[in-house]
Amino acid sequence: MKAIELSEYCGIDCLKIVEVEKPRPGANEILLKVRAAGINFAEMELMKGKYKIPKNPPFIMGFEASGVVAEVGSQVPLSRQAAPESELPSRPRRE
Protein backbone atom coordinates (compact mmCIF):
# COMPACT_ATOMS: atom_id res chain seq x y z
CA MET A 1 0.00 0.00 0.00
CA LYS A 2 1.08 3.61 -0.35
CA ALA A 3 1.94 5.83 2.61
CA ILE A 4 3.41 9.28 3.18
CA GLU A 5 6.78 9.17 4.91
CA LEU A 6 8.69 12.03 6.51
CA SER A 7 12.33 11.35 5.67
CA GLU A 8 13.81 14.14 7.82
CA TYR A 9 12.79 17.39 9.50
CA CYS A 10 13.10 19.89 6.63
CA GLY A 11 9.55 20.85 5.63
CA ILE A 12 7.14 19.60 3.01
CA ASP A 13 9.96 18.75 0.58
CA CYS A 14 10.92 15.86 2.87
CA LEU A 15 7.59 14.06 2.38
CA LYS A 16 7.62 11.16 -0.04
CA ILE A 17 5.22 8.47 -1.16
CA VAL A 18 6.48 5.03 -0.22
CA GLU A 19 5.24 1.46 -0.60
CA VAL A 20 4.74 -0.33 2.71
CA GLU A 21 3.27 -3.64 3.77
CA LYS A 22 -0.45 -3.44 4.57
CA PRO A 23 -0.83 -3.46 8.37
CA ARG A 24 -3.00 -5.94 10.21
CA PRO A 25 -5.22 -4.42 12.91
CA GLY A 26 -4.47 -5.33 16.50
CA ALA A 27 -7.17 -6.67 18.80
CA ASN A 28 -8.59 -3.20 19.60
CA GLU A 29 -7.82 -1.54 16.26
CA ILE A 30 -9.65 -0.77 13.04
CA LEU A 31 -7.95 -0.78 9.65
CA LEU A 32 -9.31 2.03 7.50
CA LYS A 33 -9.20 2.10 3.70
CA VAL A 34 -8.40 5.79 3.40
CA ARG A 35 -10.38 7.83 0.90
CA ALA A 36 -9.20 11.26 2.08
CA ALA A 37 -6.39 12.47 4.30
CA GLY A 38 -5.17 15.85 5.45
CA ILE A 39 -2.22 17.58 7.04
CA ASN A 40 -2.95 19.64 10.14
CA PHE A 41 -1.03 22.55 11.68
CA ALA A 42 0.84 20.35 14.15
CA GLU A 43 2.03 18.14 11.29
CA MET A 44 3.22 21.19 9.34
CA GLU A 45 5.26 22.22 12.38
CA LEU A 46 6.42 18.63 12.85
CA MET A 47 7.77 18.53 9.28
CA LYS A 48 9.88 21.61 10.05
CA GLY A 49 11.19 20.11 13.29
CA LYS A 50 9.32 22.66 15.44
CA TYR A 51 6.87 20.22 17.02
CA LYS A 52 8.70 17.40 18.74
CA ILE A 53 7.51 13.83 19.10
CA PRO A 54 9.49 10.94 20.61
CA LYS A 55 10.30 9.49 17.20
CA ASN A 56 13.06 10.14 14.68
CA PRO A 57 12.51 10.14 10.91
CA PRO A 58 11.88 8.34 8.73
CA PHE A 59 8.32 7.53 9.80
CA ILE A 60 4.82 7.39 8.33
CA MET A 61 2.81 10.61 8.64
CA GLY A 62 -0.91 10.81 9.24
CA PHE A 63 -3.13 11.98 12.05
CA GLU A 64 -6.33 12.69 10.10
CA ALA A 65 -8.14 10.39 7.70
CA SER A 66 -11.56 9.45 6.45
CA GLY A 67 -12.51 6.22 4.74
CA VAL A 68 -14.18 2.84 4.90
CA VAL A 69 -13.62 0.28 7.64
CA ALA A 70 -11.68 -2.49 5.88
CA GLU A 71 -10.84 -4.82 8.79
CA VAL A 72 -11.49 -4.92 12.52
CA GLY A 73 -9.62 -6.46 15.41
CA SER A 74 -11.10 -9.27 17.45
CA GLN A 75 -12.01 -7.03 20.42
CA VAL A 76 -13.50 -4.05 18.55
CA PRO A 77 -17.07 -3.39 19.77
CA LEU A 78 -19.85 -4.24 17.32
CA SER A 79 -20.99 -0.59 17.34
CA ARG A 80 -17.63 0.39 15.78
CA GLN A 81 -17.70 -2.50 13.31
CA ALA A 82 -21.11 -1.57 11.94
CA ALA A 83 -20.14 1.95 10.80
CA PRO A 84 -19.47 1.68 7.03
CA GLU A 85 -17.72 5.06 6.95
CA SER A 86 -15.51 6.47 9.68
CA GLU A 87 -13.71 9.71 10.31
CA LEU A 88 -11.19 9.47 13.06
CA PRO A 89 -7.76 10.71 13.97
CA SER A 90 -5.26 8.01 13.29
CA ARG A 91 -2.68 7.10 15.85
CA PRO A 92 0.51 5.77 14.34
CA ARG A 93 1.47 2.56 16.06
CA ARG A 94 4.10 2.71 18.74
CA GLU A 95 7.24 1.00 17.61
PDB file of N, CA and C in Angstrom:
ATOM      1  N   MET A   1       0.841  -1.164   0.000  1.00  0.00           N
ATOM      2  CA  MET A   1       0.000   0.000   0.000  1.00  0.00           C
ATOM      3  C   MET A   1       0.890   1.232   0.000  1.00  0.00           C
ATOM      4  N   LYS A   2       0.326   2.366  -0.331  1.00  0.00           N
ATOM      5  CA  LYS A   2       1.076   3.611  -0.352  1.00  0.00           C
ATOM      6  C   LYS A   2       0.911   4.342   0.977  1.00  0.00           C
ATOM      7  N   ALA A   3       1.956   5.043   1.384  1.00  0.00           N
ATOM      8  CA  ALA A   3       1.938   5.833   2.609  1.00  0.00           C
ATOM      9  C   ALA A   3       2.804   7.071   2.396  1.00  0.00           C
ATOM     10  N   ILE A   4       2.597   8.080   3.224  1.00  0.00           N
ATOM     11  CA  ILE A   4       3.412   9.284   3.182  1.00  0.00           C
ATOM     12  C   ILE A   4       4.427   9.195   4.314  1.00  0.00           C
ATOM     13  N   GLU A   5       5.694   9.293   3.945  1.00  0.00           N
ATOM     14  CA  GLU A   5       6.779   9.172   4.912  1.00  0.00           C
ATOM     15  C   GLU A   5       7.514  10.501   5.035  1.00  0.00           C
ATOM     16  N   LEU A   6       7.839  10.877   6.258  1.00  0.00           N
ATOM     17  CA  LEU A   6       8.687  12.032   6.507  1.00  0.00           C
ATOM     18  C   LEU A   6      10.110  11.507   6.629  1.00  0.00           C
ATOM     19  N   SER A   7      10.974  11.893   5.697  1.00  0.00           N
ATOM     20  CA  SER A   7      12.333  11.349   5.670  1.00  0.00           C
ATOM     21  C   SER A   7      13.290  12.077   6.606  1.00  0.00           C
ATOM     22  N   GLU A   8      13.043  13.361   6.852  1.00  0.00           N
ATOM     23  CA  GLU A   8      13.815  14.144   7.818  1.00  0.00           C
ATOM     24  C   GLU A   8      13.034  15.417   8.124  1.00  0.00           C
ATOM     25  N   TYR A   9      13.483  16.166   9.115  1.00  0.00           N
ATOM     26  CA  TYR A   9      12.787  17.394   9.502  1.00  0.00           C
ATOM     27  C   TYR A   9      13.271  18.564   8.652  1.00  0.00           C
ATOM     28  N   CYS A  10      12.684  18.765   7.474  1.00  0.00           N
ATOM     29  CA  CYS A  10      13.098  19.891   6.631  1.00  0.00           C
ATOM     30  C   CYS A  10      11.923  20.465   5.846  1.00  0.00           C
ATOM     31  N   GLY A  11      10.714  20.274   6.309  1.00  0.00           N
ATOM     32  CA  GLY A  11       9.553  20.846   5.633  1.00  0.00           C
ATOM     33  C   GLY A  11       8.891  19.883   4.670  1.00  0.00           C
ATOM     34  N   ILE A  12       7.974  20.419   3.892  1.00  0.00           N
ATOM     35  CA  ILE A  12       7.141  19.605   3.006  1.00  0.00           C
ATOM     36  C   ILE A  12       7.952  18.867   1.934  1.00  0.00           C
ATOM     37  N   ASP A  13       9.120  19.403   1.590  1.00  0.00           N
ATOM     38  CA  ASP A  13       9.962  18.745   0.582  1.00  0.00           C
ATOM     39  C   ASP A  13      10.499  17.397   1.047  1.00  0.00           C
ATOM     40  N   CYS A  14      10.413  17.127   2.335  1.00  0.00           N
ATOM     41  CA  CYS A  14      10.916  15.857   2.870  1.00  0.00           C
ATOM     42  C   CYS A  14       9.834  14.793   2.979  1.00  0.00           C
ATOM     43  N   LEU A  15       8.643  15.063   2.447  1.00  0.00           N
ATOM     44  CA  LEU A  15       7.595  14.058   2.378  1.00  0.00           C
ATOM     45  C   LEU A  15       7.754  13.273   1.090  1.00  0.00           C
ATOM     46  N   LYS A  16       7.583  11.957   1.183  1.00  0.00           N
ATOM     47  CA  LYS A  16       7.623  11.159  -0.038  1.00  0.00           C
ATOM     48  C   LYS A  16       6.617  10.027   0.059  1.00  0.00           C
ATOM     49  N   ILE A  17       6.139   9.600  -1.092  1.00  0.00           N
ATOM     50  CA  ILE A  17       5.215   8.474  -1.162  1.00  0.00           C
ATOM     51  C   ILE A  17       6.058   7.206  -1.206  1.00  0.00           C
ATOM     52  N   VAL A  18       5.744   6.285  -0.303  1.00  0.00           N
ATOM     53  CA  VAL A  18       6.479   5.029  -0.221  1.00  0.00           C
ATOM     54  C   VAL A  18       5.512   3.855  -0.258  1.00  0.00           C
ATOM     55  N   GLU A  19       6.003   2.714  -0.659  1.00  0.00           N
ATOM     56  CA  GLU A  19       5.236   1.464  -0.599  1.00  0.00           C
ATOM     57  C   GLU A  19       5.572   0.766   0.705  1.00  0.00           C
ATOM     58  N   VAL A  20       4.549   0.385   1.449  1.00  0.00           N
ATOM     59  CA  VAL A  20       4.742  -0.332   2.710  1.00  0.00           C
ATOM     60  C   VAL A  20       3.810  -1.535   2.747  1.00  0.00           C
ATOM     61  N   GLU A  21       4.130  -2.477   3.599  1.00  0.00           N
ATOM     62  CA  GLU A  21       3.271  -3.642   3.771  1.00  0.00           C
ATOM     63  C   GLU A  21       1.967  -3.217   4.440  1.00  0.00           C
ATOM     64  N   LYS A  22       0.856  -3.753   3.976  1.00  0.00           N
ATOM     65  CA  LYS A  22      -0.449  -3.441   4.568  1.00  0.00           C
ATOM     66  C   LYS A  22      -0.462  -3.928   6.010  1.00  0.00           C
ATOM     67  N   PRO A  23      -0.805  -3.038   6.957  1.00  0.00           N
ATOM     68  CA  PRO A  23      -0.834  -3.460   8.372  1.00  0.00           C
ATOM     69  C   PRO A  23      -2.034  -4.344   8.672  1.00  0.00           C
ATOM     70  N   ARG A  24      -1.891  -5.139   9.694  1.00  0.00           N
ATOM     71  CA  ARG A  24      -3.004  -5.944  10.212  1.00  0.00           C
ATOM     72  C   ARG A  24      -3.456  -5.273  11.497  1.00  0.00           C
ATOM     73  N   PRO A  25      -4.764  -5.082  11.681  1.00  0.00           N
ATOM     74  CA  PRO A  25      -5.215  -4.422  12.907  1.00  0.00           C
ATOM     75  C   PRO A  25      -4.981  -5.292  14.131  1.00  0.00           C
ATOM     76  N   GLY A  26      -4.588  -4.640  15.235  1.00  0.00           N
ATOM     77  CA  GLY A  26      -4.468  -5.327  16.504  1.00  0.00           C
ATOM     78  C   GLY A  26      -5.846  -5.614  17.069  1.00  0.00           C
ATOM     79  N   ALA A  27      -5.904  -6.247  18.213  1.00  0.00           N
ATOM     80  CA  ALA A  27      -7.175  -6.673  18.805  1.00  0.00           C
ATOM     81  C   ALA A  27      -8.169  -5.523  18.979  1.00  0.00           C
ATOM     82  N   ASN A  28      -7.706  -4.340  19.347  1.00  0.00           N
ATOM     83  CA  ASN A  28      -8.592  -3.199  19.596  1.00  0.00           C
ATOM     84  C   ASN A  28      -8.486  -2.129  18.516  1.00  0.00           C
ATOM     85  N   GLU A  29      -8.048  -2.502  17.332  1.00  0.00           N
ATOM     86  CA  GLU A  29      -7.822  -1.537  16.265  1.00  0.00           C
ATOM     87  C   GLU A  29      -8.735  -1.777  15.068  1.00  0.00           C
ATOM     88  N   ILE A  30      -8.912  -0.711  14.287  1.00  0.00           N
ATOM     89  CA  ILE A  30      -9.654  -0.766  13.037  1.00  0.00           C
ATOM     90  C   ILE A  30      -8.705  -0.389  11.916  1.00  0.00           C
ATOM     91  N   LEU A  31      -8.715  -1.138  10.832  1.00  0.00           N
ATOM     92  CA  LEU A  31      -7.949  -0.782   9.646  1.00  0.00           C
ATOM     93  C   LEU A  31      -8.883  -0.040   8.708  1.00  0.00           C
ATOM     94  N   LEU A  32      -8.488   1.154   8.330  1.00  0.00           N
ATOM     95  CA  LEU A  32      -9.310   2.026   7.503  1.00  0.00           C
ATOM     96  C   LEU A  32      -8.744   2.070   6.087  1.00  0.00           C
ATOM     97  N   LYS A  33      -9.595   1.864   5.085  1.00  0.00           N
ATOM     98  CA  LYS A  33      -9.197   2.096   3.700  1.00  0.00           C
ATOM     99  C   LYS A  33      -9.419   3.588   3.471  1.00  0.00           C
ATOM    100  N   VAL A  34      -8.338   4.331   3.433  1.00  0.00           N
ATOM    101  CA  VAL A  34      -8.396   5.792   3.400  1.00  0.00           C
ATOM    102  C   VAL A  34      -8.889   6.292   2.048  1.00  0.00           C
ATOM    103  N   ARG A  35      -9.875   7.168   2.105  1.00  0.00           N
ATOM    104  CA  ARG A  35     -10.384   7.832   0.899  1.00  0.00           C
ATOM    105  C   ARG A  35      -9.955   9.282   0.853  1.00  0.00           C
ATOM    106  N   ALA A  36      -9.683   9.881   2.013  1.00  0.00           N
ATOM    107  CA  ALA A  36      -9.204  11.262   2.076  1.00  0.00           C
ATOM    108  C   ALA A  36      -8.329  11.415   3.308  1.00  0.00           C
ATOM    109  N   ALA A  37      -7.288  12.207   3.182  1.00  0.00           N
ATOM    110  CA  ALA A  37      -6.390  12.470   4.304  1.00  0.00           C
ATOM    111  C   ALA A  37      -5.981  13.933   4.256  1.00  0.00           C
ATOM    112  N   GLY A  38      -5.578  14.456   5.386  1.00  0.00           N
ATOM    113  CA  GLY A  38      -5.169  15.851   5.450  1.00  0.00           C
ATOM    114  C   GLY A  38      -3.918  16.023   6.285  1.00  0.00           C
ATOM    115  N   ILE A  39      -3.370  17.211   6.216  1.00  0.00           N
ATOM    116  CA  ILE A  39      -2.221  17.584   7.036  1.00  0.00           C
ATOM    117  C   ILE A  39      -2.678  18.733   7.919  1.00  0.00           C
ATOM    118  N   ASN A  40      -2.519  18.592   9.226  1.00  0.00           N
ATOM    119  CA  ASN A  40      -2.950  19.642  10.144  1.00  0.00           C
ATOM    120  C   ASN A  40      -1.773  20.540  10.535  1.00  0.00           C
ATOM    121  N   PHE A  41      -2.063  21.582  11.299  1.00  0.00           N
ATOM    122  CA  PHE A  41      -1.034  22.548  11.676  1.00  0.00           C
ATOM    123  C   PHE A  41       0.114  21.892  12.436  1.00  0.00           C
ATOM    124  N   ALA A  42      -0.213  21.015  13.371  1.00  0.00           N
ATOM    125  CA  ALA A  42       0.839  20.350  14.150  1.00  0.00           C
ATOM    126  C   ALA A  42       1.762  19.547  13.236  1.00  0.00           C
ATOM    127  N   GLU A  43       1.202  18.906  12.220  1.00  0.00           N
ATOM    128  CA  GLU A  43       2.029  18.140  11.290  1.00  0.00           C
ATOM    129  C   GLU A  43       2.908  19.051  10.436  1.00  0.00           C
ATOM    130  N   MET A  44       2.393  20.224  10.079  1.00  0.00           N
ATOM    131  CA  MET A  44       3.215  21.187   9.341  1.00  0.00           C
ATOM    132  C   MET A  44       4.415  21.604  10.196  1.00  0.00           C
ATOM    133  N   GLU A  45       4.169  21.859  11.464  1.00  0.00           N
ATOM    134  CA  GLU A  45       5.258  22.222  12.375  1.00  0.00           C
ATOM    135  C   GLU A  45       6.196  21.035  12.601  1.00  0.00           C
ATOM    136  N   LEU A  46       5.628  19.842  12.686  1.00  0.00           N
ATOM    137  CA  LEU A  46       6.425  18.627  12.849  1.00  0.00           C
ATOM    138  C   LEU A  46       7.390  18.448  11.682  1.00  0.00           C
ATOM    139  N   MET A  47       6.917  18.681  10.456  1.00  0.00           N
ATOM    140  CA  MET A  47       7.766  18.525   9.277  1.00  0.00           C
ATOM    141  C   MET A  47       8.967  19.466   9.311  1.00  0.00           C
ATOM    142  N   LYS A  48       8.801  20.627   9.953  1.00  0.00           N
ATOM    143  CA  LYS A  48       9.881  21.610  10.051  1.00  0.00           C
ATOM    144  C   LYS A  48      10.779  21.360  11.258  1.00  0.00           C
ATOM    145  N   GLY A  49      10.415  20.389  12.092  1.00  0.00           N
ATOM    146  CA  GLY A  49      11.194  20.110  13.292  1.00  0.00           C
ATOM    147  C   GLY A  49      10.833  20.997  14.465  1.00  0.00           C
ATOM    148  N   LYS A  50       9.723  21.740  14.377  1.00  0.00           N
ATOM    149  CA  LYS A  50       9.320  22.664  15.437  1.00  0.00           C
ATOM    150  C   LYS A  50       8.368  22.044  16.449  1.00  0.00           C
ATOM    151  N   TYR A  51       7.799  20.913  16.134  1.00  0.00           N
ATOM    152  CA  TYR A  51       6.867  20.218  17.020  1.00  0.00           C
ATOM    153  C   TYR A  51       7.474  18.848  17.269  1.00  0.00           C
ATOM    154  N   LYS A  52       7.943  18.618  18.447  1.00  0.00           N
ATOM    155  CA  LYS A  52       8.705  17.404  18.742  1.00  0.00           C
ATOM    156  C   LYS A  52       7.804  16.250  19.174  1.00  0.00           C
ATOM    157  N   ILE A  53       8.134  15.082  18.657  1.00  0.00           N
ATOM    158  CA  ILE A  53       7.514  13.835  19.103  1.00  0.00           C
ATOM    159  C   ILE A  53       8.656  12.876  19.420  1.00  0.00           C
ATOM    160  N   PRO A  54       8.407  11.859  20.227  1.00  0.00           N
ATOM    161  CA  PRO A  54       9.489  10.942  20.607  1.00  0.00           C
ATOM    162  C   PRO A  54       9.786   9.898  19.522  1.00  0.00           C
ATOM    163  N   LYS A  55      10.056  10.382  18.323  1.00  0.00           N
ATOM    164  CA  LYS A  55      10.297   9.494  17.197  1.00  0.00           C
ATOM    165  C   LYS A  55      11.201  10.224  16.221  1.00  0.00           C
ATOM    166  N   ASN A  56      12.175   9.537  15.666  1.00  0.00           N
ATOM    167  CA  ASN A  56      13.056  10.136  14.680  1.00  0.00           C
ATOM    168  C   ASN A  56      12.695   9.655  13.283  1.00  0.00           C
ATOM    169  N   PRO A  57      12.793  10.555  12.287  1.00  0.00           N
ATOM    170  CA  PRO A  57      12.509  10.140  10.906  1.00  0.00           C
ATOM    171  C   PRO A  57      13.509   9.092  10.443  1.00  0.00           C
ATOM    172  N   PRO A  58      13.124   8.288   9.483  1.00  0.00           N
ATOM    173  CA  PRO A  58      11.876   8.338   8.729  1.00  0.00           C
ATOM    174  C   PRO A  58      10.733   7.632   9.471  1.00  0.00           C
ATOM    175  N   PHE A  59       9.527   8.156   9.284  1.00  0.00           N
ATOM    176  CA  PHE A  59       8.324   7.530   9.805  1.00  0.00           C
ATOM    177  C   PHE A  59       7.127   7.937   8.967  1.00  0.00           C
ATOM    178  N   ILE A  60       6.049   7.157   9.091  1.00  0.00           N
ATOM    179  CA  ILE A  60       4.823   7.388   8.334  1.00  0.00           C
ATOM    180  C   ILE A  60       4.050   8.527   8.983  1.00  0.00           C
ATOM    181  N   MET A  61       3.616   9.478   8.160  1.00  0.00           N
ATOM    182  CA  MET A  61       2.809  10.606   8.636  1.00  0.00           C
ATOM    183  C   MET A  61       1.336  10.217   8.612  1.00  0.00           C
ATOM    184  N   GLY A  62       0.527  10.992   9.340  1.00  0.00           N
ATOM    185  CA  GLY A  62      -0.908  10.812   9.237  1.00  0.00           C
ATOM    186  C   GLY A  62      -1.626  10.811  10.559  1.00  0.00           C
ATOM    187  N   PHE A  63      -2.325  11.893  10.839  1.00  0.00           N
ATOM    188  CA  PHE A  63      -3.125  11.981  12.053  1.00  0.00           C
ATOM    189  C   PHE A  63      -4.603  12.190  11.745  1.00  0.00           C
ATOM    190  N   GLU A  64      -4.939  12.463  10.477  1.00  0.00           N
ATOM    191  CA  GLU A  64      -6.332  12.691  10.098  1.00  0.00           C
ATOM    192  C   GLU A  64      -6.645  11.909   8.835  1.00  0.00           C
ATOM    193  N   ALA A  65      -7.741  11.162   8.874  1.00  0.00           N
ATOM    194  CA  ALA A  65      -8.137  10.387   7.696  1.00  0.00           C
ATOM    195  C   ALA A  65      -9.620  10.083   7.743  1.00  0.00           C
ATOM    196  N   SER A  66     -10.171   9.853   6.576  1.00  0.00           N
ATOM    197  CA  SER A  66     -11.564   9.449   6.446  1.00  0.00           C
ATOM    198  C   SER A  66     -11.608   8.320   5.427  1.00  0.00           C
ATOM    199  N   GLY A  67     -12.432   7.331   5.674  1.00  0.00           N
ATOM    200  CA  GLY A  67     -12.505   6.222   4.739  1.00  0.00           C
ATOM    201  C   GLY A  67     -13.501   5.168   5.166  1.00  0.00           C
ATOM    202  N   VAL A  68     -13.294   3.973   4.660  1.00  0.00           N
ATOM    203  CA  VAL A  68     -14.180   2.842   4.897  1.00  0.00           C
ATOM    204  C   VAL A  68     -13.464   1.842   5.803  1.00  0.00           C
ATOM    205  N   VAL A  69     -14.183   1.314   6.767  1.00  0.00           N
ATOM    206  CA  VAL A  69     -13.625   0.284   7.637  1.00  0.00           C
ATOM    207  C   VAL A  69     -13.352  -0.955   6.791  1.00  0.00           C
ATOM    208  N   ALA A  70     -12.077  -1.357   6.706  1.00  0.00           N
ATOM    209  CA  ALA A  70     -11.681  -2.487   5.878  1.00  0.00           C
ATOM    210  C   ALA A  70     -11.546  -3.777   6.699  1.00  0.00           C
ATOM    211  N   GLU A  71     -11.000  -3.665   7.902  1.00  0.00           N
ATOM    212  CA  GLU A  71     -10.836  -4.818   8.791  1.00  0.00           C
ATOM    213  C   GLU A  71     -10.979  -4.340  10.228  1.00  0.00           C
ATOM    214  N   VAL A  72     -11.380  -5.255  11.106  1.00  0.00           N
ATOM    215  CA  VAL A  72     -11.491  -4.924  12.523  1.00  0.00           C
ATOM    216  C   VAL A  72     -10.784  -5.979  13.348  1.00  0.00           C
ATOM    217  N   GLY A  73     -10.249  -5.531  14.480  1.00  0.00           N
ATOM    218  CA  GLY A  73      -9.615  -6.457  15.410  1.00  0.00           C
ATOM    219  C   GLY A  73     -10.649  -7.269  16.161  1.00  0.00           C
ATOM    220  N   SER A  74     -10.205  -8.322  16.791  1.00  0.00           N
ATOM    221  CA  SER A  74     -11.095  -9.271  17.454  1.00  0.00           C
ATOM    222  C   SER A  74     -11.853  -8.686  18.645  1.00  0.00           C
ATOM    223  N   GLN A  75     -11.365  -7.597  19.228  1.00  0.00           N
ATOM    224  CA  GLN A  75     -12.013  -7.032  20.419  1.00  0.00           C
ATOM    225  C   GLN A  75     -12.664  -5.671  20.152  1.00  0.00           C
ATOM    226  N   VAL A  76     -12.840  -5.311  18.894  1.00  0.00           N
ATOM    227  CA  VAL A  76     -13.498  -4.050  18.550  1.00  0.00           C
ATOM    228  C   VAL A  76     -14.999  -4.215  18.773  1.00  0.00           C
ATOM    229  N   PRO A  77     -15.636  -3.280  19.512  1.00  0.00           N
ATOM    230  CA  PRO A  77     -17.073  -3.392  19.771  1.00  0.00           C
ATOM    231  C   PRO A  77     -17.890  -3.396  18.480  1.00  0.00           C
ATOM    232  N   LEU A  78     -18.982  -4.124  18.492  1.00  0.00           N
ATOM    233  CA  LEU A  78     -19.854  -4.239  17.324  1.00  0.00           C
ATOM    234  C   LEU A  78     -20.313  -2.866  16.829  1.00  0.00           C
ATOM    235  N   SER A  79     -20.544  -1.928  17.739  1.00  0.00           N
ATOM    236  CA  SER A  79     -20.991  -0.589  17.337  1.00  0.00           C
ATOM    237  C   SER A  79     -19.964   0.094  16.443  1.00  0.00           C
ATOM    238  N   ARG A  80     -18.689  -0.177  16.629  1.00  0.00           N
ATOM    239  CA  ARG A  80     -17.634   0.389  15.782  1.00  0.00           C
ATOM    240  C   ARG A  80     -17.510  -0.383  14.476  1.00  0.00           C
ATOM    241  N   GLN A  81     -17.804  -1.665  14.497  1.00  0.00           N
ATOM    242  CA  GLN A  81     -17.696  -2.498  13.306  1.00  0.00           C
ATOM    243  C   GLN A  81     -18.791  -2.170  12.307  1.00  0.00           C
ATOM    244  N   ALA A  82     -19.950  -1.757  12.800  1.00  0.00           N
ATOM    245  CA  ALA A  82     -21.112  -1.569  11.941  1.00  0.00           C
ATOM    246  C   ALA A  82     -21.043  -0.288  11.111  1.00  0.00           C
ATOM    247  N   ALA A  83     -20.219   0.671  11.512  1.00  0.00           N
ATOM    248  CA  ALA A  83     -20.137   1.947  10.800  1.00  0.00           C
ATOM    249  C   ALA A  83     -19.406   1.749   9.468  1.00  0.00           C
ATOM    250  N   PRO A  84     -20.117   1.893   8.327  1.00  0.00           N
ATOM    251  CA  PRO A  84     -19.469   1.677   7.035  1.00  0.00           C
ATOM    252  C   PRO A  84     -18.457   2.759   6.688  1.00  0.00           C
ATOM    253  N   GLU A  85     -18.650   3.963   7.190  1.00  0.00           N
ATOM    254  CA  GLU A  85     -17.722   5.063   6.951  1.00  0.00           C
ATOM    255  C   GLU A  85     -17.271   5.585   8.310  1.00  0.00           C
ATOM    256  N   SER A  86     -16.018   5.937   8.423  1.00  0.00           N
ATOM    257  CA  SER A  86     -15.511   6.470   9.680  1.00  0.00           C
ATOM    258  C   SER A  86     -14.610   7.655   9.413  1.00  0.00           C
ATOM    259  N   GLU A  87     -14.657   8.608  10.309  1.00  0.00           N
ATOM    260  CA  GLU A  87     -13.711   9.713  10.306  1.00  0.00           C
ATOM    261  C   GLU A  87     -13.108   9.716  11.693  1.00  0.00           C
ATOM    262  N   LEU A  88     -11.828   9.542  11.774  1.00  0.00           N
ATOM    263  CA  LEU A  88     -11.193   9.474  13.064  1.00  0.00           C
ATOM    264  C   LEU A  88      -9.740   9.865  12.943  1.00  0.00           C
ATOM    265  N   PRO A  89      -9.189  10.419  14.008  1.00  0.00           N
ATOM    266  CA  PRO A  89      -7.762  10.706  13.972  1.00  0.00           C
ATOM    267  C   PRO A  89      -7.002   9.393  14.076  1.00  0.00           C
ATOM    268  N   SER A  90      -6.051   9.233  13.214  1.00  0.00           N
ATOM    269  CA  SER A  90      -5.263   8.009  13.285  1.00  0.00           C
ATOM    270  C   SER A  90      -4.176   8.178  14.326  1.00  0.00           C
ATOM    271  N   ARG A  91      -3.783   7.097  14.901  1.00  0.00           N
ATOM    272  CA  ARG A  91      -2.679   7.098  15.848  1.00  0.00           C
ATOM    273  C   ARG A  91      -1.629   6.145  15.294  1.00  0.00           C
ATOM    274  N   PRO A  92      -0.514   6.686  14.821  1.00  0.00           N
ATOM    275  CA  PRO A  92       0.514   5.775  14.337  1.00  0.00           C
ATOM    276  C   PRO A  92       0.892   4.795  15.445  1.00  0.00           C
ATOM    277  N   ARG A  93       1.112   3.565  15.078  1.00  0.00           N
ATOM    278  CA  ARG A  93       1.471   2.558  16.060  1.00  0.00           C
ATOM    279  C   ARG A  93       2.782   2.888  16.746  1.00  0.00           C
ATOM    280  N   ARG A  94       2.837   2.545  17.991  1.00  0.00           N
ATOM    281  CA  ARG A  94       4.098   2.711  18.742  1.00  0.00           C
ATOM    282  C   ARG A  94       5.039   1.604  18.324  1.00  0.00           C
ATOM    283  N   GLU A  95       6.254   1.993  18.063  1.00  0.00           N
ATOM    284  CA  GLU A  95       7.235   0.998  17.608  1.00  0.00           C
ATOM    285  C   GLU A  95       8.239   0.688  18.680  1.00  0.00           C
TER     286      GLU A  95
END
